[in-house]
N, C-alpha and C. Protein backbone atom coordinates (compact mmCIF):
# COMPACT_ATOMS: atom_id res chain seq x y z
N MET A 1 117.71 121.61 52.27
CA MET A 1 116.79 120.72 53.05
C MET A 1 115.33 120.96 52.65
N ARG A 2 115.07 122.32 52.49
CA ARG A 2 113.71 122.72 52.20
C ARG A 2 113.28 122.21 50.80
N ARG A 3 114.26 122.20 49.87
CA ARG A 3 113.98 121.77 48.55
C ARG A 3 113.66 120.26 48.53
N LEU A 4 114.42 119.51 49.36
CA LEU A 4 114.20 118.09 49.41
C LEU A 4 112.77 117.82 49.97
N ILE A 5 112.39 118.57 51.02
CA ILE A 5 111.08 118.37 51.61
C ILE A 5 109.97 118.69 50.60
N LEU A 6 110.16 119.82 49.90
CA LEU A 6 109.16 120.18 48.79
C LEU A 6 109.09 119.15 47.75
N PHE A 7 110.27 118.60 47.33
CA PHE A 7 110.32 117.55 46.34
C PHE A 7 109.57 116.27 46.76
N LEU A 8 109.84 115.84 48.04
CA LEU A 8 109.16 114.67 48.55
C LEU A 8 107.62 114.92 48.69
N LEU A 9 107.26 116.12 49.07
CA LEU A 9 105.86 116.45 49.22
C LEU A 9 105.22 116.46 47.78
N TRP A 10 105.93 116.94 46.83
CA TRP A 10 105.46 116.95 45.43
C TRP A 10 105.23 115.56 44.96
N ILE A 11 106.12 114.67 45.26
CA ILE A 11 105.97 113.24 44.86
C ILE A 11 104.75 112.63 45.55
N PHE A 12 104.58 112.95 46.81
CA PHE A 12 103.43 112.41 47.55
C PHE A 12 102.10 112.98 46.96
N ILE A 13 102.09 114.25 46.68
CA ILE A 13 100.91 114.90 46.10
C ILE A 13 100.66 114.35 44.68
N PHE A 14 101.67 114.00 43.98
CA PHE A 14 101.58 113.45 42.62
C PHE A 14 100.88 112.06 42.73
N LEU A 15 101.13 111.29 43.76
CA LEU A 15 100.49 110.00 43.94
C LEU A 15 98.99 110.06 44.21
N ILE A 16 98.53 111.20 44.68
CA ILE A 16 97.09 111.36 44.97
C ILE A 16 96.27 111.28 43.69
N PRO A 17 96.52 112.11 42.65
CA PRO A 17 95.80 112.04 41.44
C PRO A 17 95.98 110.69 40.73
N LEU A 18 97.21 110.15 40.82
CA LEU A 18 97.48 108.80 40.22
C LEU A 18 96.63 107.77 40.89
N GLY A 19 96.57 107.75 42.24
CA GLY A 19 95.72 106.83 42.91
C GLY A 19 94.23 107.04 42.67
N SER A 20 93.83 108.30 42.51
CA SER A 20 92.44 108.57 42.21
C SER A 20 92.05 108.06 40.84
N PHE A 21 92.94 108.25 39.85
CA PHE A 21 92.77 107.73 38.54
C PHE A 21 92.65 106.18 38.59
N TYR A 22 93.51 105.54 39.34
CA TYR A 22 93.51 104.08 39.37
C TYR A 22 92.17 103.61 39.97
N VAL A 23 91.71 104.26 41.07
CA VAL A 23 90.51 103.84 41.70
C VAL A 23 89.28 104.02 40.78
N ALA A 24 89.28 105.20 40.12
CA ALA A 24 88.15 105.51 39.19
C ALA A 24 88.15 104.54 38.01
N TYR A 25 89.37 104.24 37.43
CA TYR A 25 89.42 103.39 36.28
C TYR A 25 89.07 101.94 36.65
N THR A 26 89.46 101.51 37.86
CA THR A 26 89.16 100.19 38.36
C THR A 26 87.59 100.02 38.51
N ALA A 27 86.95 101.13 39.09
CA ALA A 27 85.47 101.06 39.25
C ALA A 27 84.80 101.03 37.88
N PHE A 28 85.36 101.74 36.93
CA PHE A 28 84.87 101.76 35.52
C PHE A 28 84.94 100.35 34.90
N VAL A 29 86.09 99.71 35.11
CA VAL A 29 86.26 98.37 34.52
C VAL A 29 85.28 97.37 35.23
N GLU A 30 85.24 97.46 36.55
CA GLU A 30 84.29 96.54 37.29
C GLU A 30 82.86 96.73 36.84
N GLU A 31 82.44 97.94 36.63
CA GLU A 31 81.07 98.21 36.20
C GLU A 31 80.83 97.63 34.85
N ARG A 32 81.80 97.78 33.93
CA ARG A 32 81.71 97.22 32.57
C ARG A 32 81.62 95.68 32.65
N GLU A 33 82.49 95.14 33.43
CA GLU A 33 82.43 93.65 33.60
C GLU A 33 81.11 93.15 34.13
N GLY A 34 80.56 93.84 35.07
CA GLY A 34 79.26 93.49 35.60
C GLY A 34 78.16 93.57 34.58
N LYS A 35 78.20 94.62 33.66
CA LYS A 35 77.21 94.75 32.63
C LYS A 35 77.30 93.67 31.59
N VAL A 36 78.60 93.36 31.23
CA VAL A 36 78.90 92.27 30.20
C VAL A 36 78.36 90.93 30.86
N ALA A 37 78.63 90.71 32.06
CA ALA A 37 78.16 89.42 32.69
C ALA A 37 76.63 89.30 32.68
N GLU A 38 76.00 90.47 32.99
CA GLU A 38 74.51 90.51 32.97
C GLU A 38 74.03 90.26 31.57
N ASN A 39 74.71 90.74 30.55
CA ASN A 39 74.30 90.44 29.16
C ASN A 39 74.36 88.94 28.87
N VAL A 40 75.48 88.34 29.25
CA VAL A 40 75.77 86.90 29.00
C VAL A 40 74.74 86.02 29.75
N VAL A 41 74.45 86.42 31.02
CA VAL A 41 73.44 85.64 31.84
C VAL A 41 72.02 85.84 31.19
N THR A 42 71.72 86.97 30.71
CA THR A 42 70.42 87.18 30.08
C THR A 42 70.29 86.32 28.83
N PHE A 43 71.34 86.36 27.99
CA PHE A 43 71.33 85.54 26.73
C PHE A 43 71.18 84.05 27.10
N LEU A 44 71.98 83.58 28.10
CA LEU A 44 71.93 82.13 28.45
C LEU A 44 70.53 81.77 29.02
N THR A 45 69.92 82.69 29.75
CA THR A 45 68.59 82.39 30.32
C THR A 45 67.57 82.09 29.21
N PHE A 46 67.61 82.83 28.11
CA PHE A 46 66.62 82.66 27.07
C PHE A 46 67.13 81.89 25.89
N PHE A 47 68.30 81.28 26.01
CA PHE A 47 68.96 80.67 24.88
C PHE A 47 68.26 79.59 24.11
N PRO A 48 67.67 78.55 24.72
CA PRO A 48 67.02 77.55 23.85
C PRO A 48 65.68 77.98 23.33
N GLU A 49 64.93 78.90 24.17
CA GLU A 49 63.55 79.21 23.72
C GLU A 49 63.56 80.25 22.61
N ARG A 50 64.41 81.22 22.66
CA ARG A 50 64.29 82.35 21.72
C ARG A 50 65.58 82.36 20.82
N SER A 51 65.28 82.66 19.52
CA SER A 51 66.43 82.78 18.67
C SER A 51 67.02 84.18 18.66
N VAL A 52 66.25 85.21 19.06
CA VAL A 52 66.72 86.61 19.18
C VAL A 52 66.46 87.02 20.59
N VAL A 53 67.53 87.30 21.33
CA VAL A 53 67.38 87.73 22.78
C VAL A 53 67.82 89.18 22.94
N PRO A 54 66.93 90.03 23.50
CA PRO A 54 67.30 91.40 23.76
C PRO A 54 68.15 91.49 25.02
N LEU A 55 69.22 92.25 24.99
CA LEU A 55 70.18 92.41 26.04
C LEU A 55 69.97 93.63 26.85
N PRO A 56 70.18 93.63 28.16
CA PRO A 56 70.01 94.90 28.93
C PRO A 56 70.97 95.99 28.58
N TYR A 57 72.20 95.63 28.16
CA TYR A 57 73.23 96.65 27.79
C TYR A 57 73.76 96.25 26.38
N PRO A 58 72.97 96.52 25.30
CA PRO A 58 73.32 96.13 23.99
C PRO A 58 74.57 96.77 23.43
N GLU A 59 74.91 97.94 23.95
CA GLU A 59 76.04 98.67 23.44
C GLU A 59 77.38 98.01 23.77
N LEU A 60 77.38 97.10 24.77
CA LEU A 60 78.61 96.51 25.19
C LEU A 60 78.90 95.09 24.63
N THR A 61 77.83 94.31 24.28
CA THR A 61 78.04 92.93 23.88
C THR A 61 77.19 92.61 22.74
N VAL A 62 77.74 91.79 21.82
CA VAL A 62 76.98 91.17 20.75
C VAL A 62 77.31 89.66 20.81
N ILE A 63 76.26 88.79 20.85
CA ILE A 63 76.46 87.37 21.00
C ILE A 63 75.73 86.62 19.82
N LYS A 64 76.49 85.67 19.25
CA LYS A 64 75.89 84.84 18.25
C LYS A 64 76.27 83.35 18.54
N VAL A 65 75.24 82.45 18.48
CA VAL A 65 75.49 81.04 18.73
C VAL A 65 75.00 80.24 17.53
N TYR A 66 75.77 79.33 17.01
CA TYR A 66 75.34 78.50 15.86
C TYR A 66 75.17 77.03 16.34
N LYS A 67 74.04 76.50 16.11
CA LYS A 67 73.75 75.02 16.37
C LYS A 67 73.24 74.44 15.09
N GLY A 68 74.16 73.85 14.31
CA GLY A 68 73.75 73.38 13.05
C GLY A 68 73.30 74.50 12.11
N ALA A 69 72.12 74.37 11.57
CA ALA A 69 71.54 75.42 10.70
C ALA A 69 70.83 76.56 11.44
N VAL A 70 70.66 76.36 12.72
CA VAL A 70 69.93 77.35 13.49
C VAL A 70 70.90 78.37 14.14
N THR A 71 70.54 79.63 14.07
CA THR A 71 71.43 80.70 14.69
C THR A 71 70.61 81.38 15.84
N TYR A 72 71.28 81.48 16.95
CA TYR A 72 70.74 82.26 18.08
C TYR A 72 71.58 83.48 18.20
N MET A 73 70.99 84.66 18.51
CA MET A 73 71.77 85.85 18.58
C MET A 73 71.09 86.86 19.49
N SER A 74 71.89 87.84 19.92
CA SER A 74 71.32 88.93 20.68
C SER A 74 70.64 89.83 19.69
N ALA A 75 69.73 90.66 20.21
CA ALA A 75 68.90 91.52 19.34
C ALA A 75 69.72 92.57 18.51
N ASN A 76 70.88 92.93 19.13
CA ASN A 76 71.69 93.94 18.41
C ASN A 76 72.60 93.32 17.31
N ALA A 77 72.61 91.97 17.26
CA ALA A 77 73.42 91.29 16.12
C ALA A 77 72.76 91.40 14.84
N VAL A 78 71.42 91.85 14.80
CA VAL A 78 70.73 92.05 13.51
C VAL A 78 71.34 93.13 12.70
N ASN A 79 71.81 94.22 13.37
CA ASN A 79 72.44 95.30 12.68
C ASN A 79 73.87 94.94 12.25
N PRO A 80 74.45 95.70 11.29
CA PRO A 80 75.85 95.43 10.98
C PRO A 80 76.76 95.77 12.11
N ILE A 81 77.81 94.94 12.30
CA ILE A 81 78.74 95.11 13.38
C ILE A 81 80.03 95.76 12.91
N ASP A 82 80.45 96.83 13.49
CA ASP A 82 81.73 97.47 13.20
C ASP A 82 82.82 96.83 14.01
N ALA A 83 83.54 95.87 13.27
CA ALA A 83 84.50 95.07 14.02
C ALA A 83 85.65 95.85 14.62
N SER A 84 85.91 97.07 14.17
CA SER A 84 86.99 97.89 14.76
C SER A 84 86.69 98.40 16.18
N LYS A 85 85.42 98.37 16.57
CA LYS A 85 85.06 98.85 17.90
C LYS A 85 84.95 97.72 18.87
N TYR A 86 85.08 96.47 18.44
CA TYR A 86 84.88 95.32 19.26
C TYR A 86 86.06 94.36 19.32
N GLU A 87 86.21 93.71 20.51
CA GLU A 87 87.10 92.58 20.57
C GLU A 87 86.29 91.31 20.23
N VAL A 88 86.75 90.46 19.37
CA VAL A 88 86.00 89.30 18.93
C VAL A 88 86.60 88.08 19.47
N ARG A 89 85.76 87.22 20.01
CA ARG A 89 86.15 85.86 20.45
C ARG A 89 85.23 84.87 19.81
N ALA A 90 85.77 83.93 19.08
CA ALA A 90 84.97 82.95 18.34
C ALA A 90 85.46 81.63 18.63
N LYS A 91 84.59 80.60 18.68
CA LYS A 91 84.96 79.17 18.90
C LYS A 91 84.03 78.32 18.07
N ARG A 92 84.58 77.44 17.24
CA ARG A 92 83.72 76.56 16.44
C ARG A 92 84.16 75.13 16.70
N VAL A 93 83.06 74.29 16.86
CA VAL A 93 83.32 72.82 17.08
C VAL A 93 82.39 72.14 16.10
N GLY A 94 82.86 71.70 15.01
CA GLY A 94 81.97 71.09 13.99
C GLY A 94 81.00 72.08 13.40
N ALA A 95 79.75 71.80 13.45
CA ALA A 95 78.70 72.70 12.89
C ALA A 95 78.27 73.67 13.94
N SER A 96 78.76 73.52 15.16
CA SER A 96 78.31 74.45 16.30
C SER A 96 79.42 75.44 16.45
N GLY A 97 79.02 76.63 16.98
CA GLY A 97 80.06 77.62 17.30
C GLY A 97 79.39 78.79 18.01
N ALA A 98 80.25 79.69 18.49
CA ALA A 98 79.81 80.88 19.15
C ALA A 98 80.76 82.03 18.85
N GLU A 99 80.23 83.20 18.75
CA GLU A 99 80.97 84.45 18.54
C GLU A 99 80.49 85.48 19.62
N VAL A 100 81.42 86.08 20.35
CA VAL A 100 81.08 87.12 21.31
C VAL A 100 81.89 88.30 20.96
N TYR A 101 81.24 89.41 20.79
CA TYR A 101 81.86 90.69 20.53
C TYR A 101 81.75 91.61 21.77
N LEU A 102 82.91 92.07 22.27
CA LEU A 102 82.98 92.96 23.47
C LEU A 102 83.39 94.29 23.02
N LYS A 103 82.72 95.35 23.33
CA LYS A 103 83.10 96.66 22.91
C LYS A 103 84.34 97.08 23.64
N ARG A 104 85.29 97.67 22.87
CA ARG A 104 86.56 98.17 23.51
C ARG A 104 86.22 99.45 24.26
N PRO A 105 86.76 99.60 25.40
CA PRO A 105 86.58 100.79 26.24
C PRO A 105 87.24 102.03 25.56
N THR A 106 86.60 103.18 25.52
CA THR A 106 87.17 104.32 24.96
C THR A 106 87.29 105.47 25.99
N PRO A 107 88.09 106.44 25.83
CA PRO A 107 88.21 107.57 26.80
C PRO A 107 86.81 108.24 26.92
N GLU A 108 86.06 108.28 25.91
CA GLU A 108 84.71 108.86 25.98
C GLU A 108 83.82 108.07 26.98
N ASP A 109 83.90 106.76 26.92
CA ASP A 109 83.20 105.92 27.85
C ASP A 109 83.55 106.17 29.30
N PHE A 110 84.91 106.35 29.50
CA PHE A 110 85.40 106.59 30.82
C PHE A 110 84.95 107.95 31.36
N MET A 111 84.95 108.97 30.44
CA MET A 111 84.44 110.30 30.92
C MET A 111 82.94 110.26 31.17
N LEU A 112 82.17 109.49 30.43
CA LEU A 112 80.74 109.36 30.72
C LEU A 112 80.55 108.69 32.05
N PHE A 113 81.37 107.65 32.36
CA PHE A 113 81.35 107.02 33.65
C PHE A 113 81.62 108.02 34.81
N LEU A 114 82.59 108.86 34.58
CA LEU A 114 82.93 109.83 35.67
C LEU A 114 81.83 110.85 35.89
N VAL A 115 81.25 111.26 34.80
CA VAL A 115 80.06 112.16 34.89
C VAL A 115 78.87 111.44 35.60
N ALA A 116 78.64 110.22 35.25
CA ALA A 116 77.52 109.48 35.87
C ALA A 116 77.75 109.08 37.30
N ASN A 117 79.05 108.99 37.74
CA ASN A 117 79.40 108.68 39.09
C ASN A 117 80.22 109.84 39.65
N PRO A 118 79.55 110.79 40.29
CA PRO A 118 80.25 111.95 40.77
C PRO A 118 81.27 111.74 41.86
N VAL A 119 81.10 110.61 42.62
CA VAL A 119 82.13 110.31 43.65
C VAL A 119 83.46 110.12 43.02
N TYR A 120 83.51 109.31 41.98
CA TYR A 120 84.78 109.04 41.33
C TYR A 120 85.28 110.26 40.51
N GLY A 121 84.37 110.89 39.81
CA GLY A 121 84.73 112.00 38.97
C GLY A 121 85.18 113.13 39.82
N GLY A 122 84.43 113.44 40.92
CA GLY A 122 84.78 114.55 41.82
C GLY A 122 86.14 114.28 42.53
N ALA A 123 86.37 113.07 42.98
CA ALA A 123 87.65 112.76 43.59
C ALA A 123 88.79 112.96 42.64
N LEU A 124 88.59 112.47 41.42
CA LEU A 124 89.68 112.65 40.39
C LEU A 124 89.93 114.10 40.09
N LEU A 125 88.82 114.85 39.86
CA LEU A 125 88.97 116.30 39.58
C LEU A 125 89.66 117.03 40.71
N PHE A 126 89.22 116.78 42.00
CA PHE A 126 89.80 117.40 43.08
C PHE A 126 91.26 117.12 43.26
N SER A 127 91.68 115.84 42.98
CA SER A 127 93.07 115.49 43.16
C SER A 127 93.89 116.18 42.09
N PHE A 128 93.40 116.30 40.83
CA PHE A 128 94.17 117.02 39.79
C PHE A 128 94.23 118.47 40.14
N VAL A 129 93.23 119.12 40.63
CA VAL A 129 93.24 120.48 41.03
C VAL A 129 94.24 120.67 42.17
N LEU A 130 94.24 119.84 43.18
CA LEU A 130 95.18 119.91 44.30
C LEU A 130 96.56 119.80 43.81
N TYR A 131 96.88 118.85 42.87
CA TYR A 131 98.19 118.72 42.29
C TYR A 131 98.62 119.96 41.54
N ALA A 132 97.70 120.54 40.76
CA ALA A 132 98.07 121.75 39.94
C ALA A 132 98.37 122.97 40.93
N VAL A 133 97.56 123.10 41.93
CA VAL A 133 97.75 124.17 42.88
C VAL A 133 99.15 124.05 43.57
N PHE A 134 99.38 122.84 44.06
CA PHE A 134 100.68 122.63 44.79
C PHE A 134 101.88 122.81 43.77
N PHE A 135 101.69 122.33 42.57
CA PHE A 135 102.76 122.50 41.58
C PHE A 135 103.03 123.95 41.29
N PHE A 136 101.94 124.75 41.18
CA PHE A 136 102.08 126.16 40.93
C PHE A 136 102.86 126.84 42.08
N PHE A 137 102.41 126.55 43.31
CA PHE A 137 103.07 127.23 44.43
C PHE A 137 104.49 126.70 44.67
N ALA A 138 104.77 125.46 44.39
CA ALA A 138 106.18 124.90 44.54
C ALA A 138 107.08 125.60 43.51
N ALA A 139 106.58 125.70 42.27
CA ALA A 139 107.32 126.38 41.18
C ALA A 139 107.61 127.82 41.55
N ARG A 140 106.59 128.45 42.00
CA ARG A 140 106.73 129.88 42.50
C ARG A 140 107.74 129.99 43.57
N GLU A 141 107.76 129.12 44.54
CA GLU A 141 108.73 129.13 45.67
C GLU A 141 110.17 128.99 45.10
N PHE A 142 110.36 128.04 44.24
CA PHE A 142 111.71 127.85 43.66
C PHE A 142 112.10 129.06 42.85
N GLU A 143 111.14 129.65 42.13
CA GLU A 143 111.45 130.86 41.33
C GLU A 143 111.84 132.00 42.20
N LEU A 144 111.09 132.21 43.26
CA LEU A 144 111.35 133.31 44.20
C LEU A 144 112.75 133.07 44.90
N LYS A 145 113.04 131.89 45.28
CA LYS A 145 114.34 131.56 45.86
C LYS A 145 115.46 131.86 44.93
N ALA A 146 115.25 131.43 43.65
CA ALA A 146 116.34 131.66 42.66
C ALA A 146 116.53 133.17 42.39
N SER A 147 115.48 133.94 42.34
CA SER A 147 115.58 135.36 42.07
C SER A 147 116.24 136.11 43.28
N GLU A 148 115.91 135.62 44.52
CA GLU A 148 116.45 136.16 45.67
C GLU A 148 117.98 135.93 45.74
N ARG A 149 118.43 134.71 45.37
CA ARG A 149 119.84 134.42 45.31
C ARG A 149 120.54 135.25 44.23
N LEU A 150 119.86 135.39 43.12
CA LEU A 150 120.51 136.25 42.04
C LEU A 150 120.67 137.63 42.47
N ARG A 151 119.66 138.26 43.21
CA ARG A 151 119.84 139.64 43.71
C ARG A 151 120.94 139.70 44.66
N GLU A 152 121.03 138.76 45.56
CA GLU A 152 122.19 138.71 46.57
C GLU A 152 123.51 138.63 45.88
N PHE A 153 123.55 137.79 44.87
CA PHE A 153 124.81 137.57 44.10
C PHE A 153 125.19 138.96 43.42
N GLU A 154 124.26 139.59 42.80
CA GLU A 154 124.47 140.87 42.18
C GLU A 154 124.96 141.89 43.18
N ARG A 155 124.39 141.96 44.35
CA ARG A 155 124.72 142.95 45.41
C ARG A 155 126.20 142.69 45.86
N VAL A 156 126.49 141.50 46.11
CA VAL A 156 127.85 141.09 46.58
C VAL A 156 128.93 141.39 45.47
N LYS A 157 128.54 141.05 44.25
CA LYS A 157 129.39 141.33 43.14
C LYS A 157 129.69 142.83 43.01
N THR A 158 128.68 143.63 43.06
CA THR A 158 128.82 145.09 42.94
C THR A 158 129.71 145.59 44.09
N GLU A 159 129.43 145.16 45.28
CA GLU A 159 130.21 145.55 46.51
C GLU A 159 131.72 145.16 46.32
N LEU A 160 131.94 143.93 45.91
CA LEU A 160 133.34 143.53 45.73
C LEU A 160 134.02 144.26 44.56
N LEU A 161 133.28 144.54 43.57
CA LEU A 161 133.87 145.36 42.37
C LEU A 161 134.25 146.72 42.82
N ASN A 162 133.35 147.37 43.65
CA ASN A 162 133.70 148.70 44.17
C ASN A 162 134.92 148.67 45.06
N ARG A 163 135.06 147.61 45.86
CA ARG A 163 136.17 147.54 46.78
C ARG A 163 137.47 147.27 45.98
N ALA A 164 137.41 146.47 44.90
CA ALA A 164 138.55 146.20 44.05
C ALA A 164 139.00 147.48 43.35
N LYS A 165 138.02 148.20 42.89
CA LYS A 165 138.34 149.55 42.25
C LYS A 165 139.04 150.46 43.18
N ALA A 166 138.58 150.49 44.44
CA ALA A 166 139.18 151.36 45.46
C ALA A 166 140.59 150.87 45.73
N ALA A 167 140.78 149.53 45.78
CA ALA A 167 142.15 149.03 46.06
C ALA A 167 143.07 149.36 44.98
N ARG A 168 142.58 149.26 43.70
CA ARG A 168 143.42 149.60 42.53
C ARG A 168 143.84 151.08 42.55
N LEU A 169 142.88 151.93 42.90
CA LEU A 169 143.21 153.37 43.06
C LEU A 169 144.23 153.65 44.11
N VAL A 170 144.04 152.95 45.24
CA VAL A 170 145.07 153.10 46.31
C VAL A 170 146.47 152.65 45.89
N LEU A 171 146.48 151.51 45.23
CA LEU A 171 147.79 151.00 44.74
C LEU A 171 148.40 151.93 43.71
N ALA A 172 147.61 152.51 42.88
CA ALA A 172 148.13 153.47 41.88
C ALA A 172 148.78 154.68 42.51
N THR A 173 148.23 155.07 43.58
CA THR A 173 148.81 156.26 44.29
C THR A 173 149.61 155.85 45.51
N GLU A 174 150.26 154.70 45.49
CA GLU A 174 150.97 154.15 46.59
C GLU A 174 152.12 155.08 47.07
N LYS A 175 152.78 155.66 46.16
CA LYS A 175 153.87 156.45 46.56
C LYS A 175 153.50 157.67 47.38
N LEU A 176 152.26 158.15 47.18
CA LEU A 176 151.82 159.30 47.91
C LEU A 176 151.20 158.99 49.28
N LEU A 177 151.07 157.74 49.53
CA LEU A 177 150.41 157.32 50.80
C LEU A 177 151.43 157.17 51.94
N LYS A 178 150.95 157.39 53.06
CA LYS A 178 151.73 157.15 54.26
C LYS A 178 151.58 155.71 54.71
N ASP A 179 152.27 155.33 55.69
CA ASP A 179 152.17 153.96 56.19
C ASP A 179 150.78 153.64 56.75
N GLU A 180 150.15 154.61 57.28
CA GLU A 180 148.79 154.36 57.83
C GLU A 180 147.83 153.94 56.74
N ALA A 181 147.91 154.62 55.65
CA ALA A 181 147.02 154.25 54.54
C ALA A 181 147.35 152.86 53.97
N ARG A 182 148.63 152.49 53.99
CA ARG A 182 149.02 151.14 53.50
C ARG A 182 148.37 150.08 54.37
N SER A 183 148.47 150.30 55.75
CA SER A 183 147.82 149.30 56.63
C SER A 183 146.26 149.25 56.45
N LYS A 184 145.73 150.42 56.17
CA LYS A 184 144.26 150.40 55.89
C LYS A 184 143.94 149.61 54.63
N LEU A 185 144.82 149.79 53.57
CA LEU A 185 144.68 149.06 52.31
C LEU A 185 144.78 147.59 52.58
N LYS A 186 145.80 147.22 53.39
CA LYS A 186 146.01 145.80 53.62
C LYS A 186 144.80 145.19 54.34
N THR A 187 144.24 145.92 55.31
CA THR A 187 143.03 145.47 56.06
C THR A 187 141.87 145.31 54.99
N LEU A 188 141.71 146.29 54.12
CA LEU A 188 140.64 146.24 53.07
C LEU A 188 140.77 145.00 52.14
N LEU A 189 142.00 144.76 51.74
CA LEU A 189 142.26 143.61 50.90
C LEU A 189 142.06 142.30 51.58
N ASP A 190 142.52 142.20 52.84
CA ASP A 190 142.27 141.02 53.64
C ASP A 190 140.84 140.70 53.82
N GLU A 191 140.03 141.75 54.04
CA GLU A 191 138.61 141.58 54.24
C GLU A 191 137.94 141.20 52.93
N LEU A 192 138.41 141.73 51.84
CA LEU A 192 137.87 141.37 50.54
C LEU A 192 138.17 139.90 50.24
N THR A 193 139.43 139.46 50.52
CA THR A 193 139.79 138.10 50.33
C THR A 193 138.97 137.07 51.14
N ARG A 194 138.79 137.47 52.42
CA ARG A 194 138.02 136.67 53.28
C ARG A 194 136.57 136.52 52.85
N ARG A 195 135.96 137.57 52.37
CA ARG A 195 134.54 137.55 51.81
C ARG A 195 134.47 136.68 50.62
N LEU A 196 135.48 136.81 49.72
CA LEU A 196 135.50 135.96 48.51
C LEU A 196 135.58 134.49 48.83
N GLU A 197 136.44 134.15 49.84
CA GLU A 197 136.66 132.76 50.23
C GLU A 197 135.38 132.24 50.85
N ASN A 198 134.60 133.05 51.56
CA ASN A 198 133.34 132.55 52.20
C ASN A 198 132.24 132.38 51.18
N LYS A 199 132.23 133.11 50.06
CA LYS A 199 131.20 132.97 49.04
C LYS A 199 131.56 131.84 48.16
């Protein structure tokens, strides 16, 4: 029963870091979406007047719009674009078209988000430390229980072996024994049998 309770508690404690990771990653995604939306709004605000628009978060979005021979773009589109780091969405209708490049999230970006937002980073770190400590103590508890059972088994085995040796010795010298010793031997063997059946 104790093992079942520890197992259920282990599953519950496992859900804490999993939930913390989910909350932190959701906040990371929402913050990225907000920054991308701000980039798009900034571009659309200055779209007809300027052909090159500086974005507040240029590392996340690159925007290009084609209207005939005229090209409108974000300021970071002047530099060469590494397409492997971006998701590309493009739409063309006749001579007009648009291309939007969204930077793919990386583990490094997520770690920087956790460092910049200590509430999420601290909660995630605390939950993983809590899980590791509980896992260590639960594993140690199971290990101690197993070694305790092994010691008990070895003690009972040694005791039963000694009793069996004594019974063999008594049986070997049976002709020399009186009836009283035979009844003692019978009692000893009955007790040995009863103990073996209980284990």
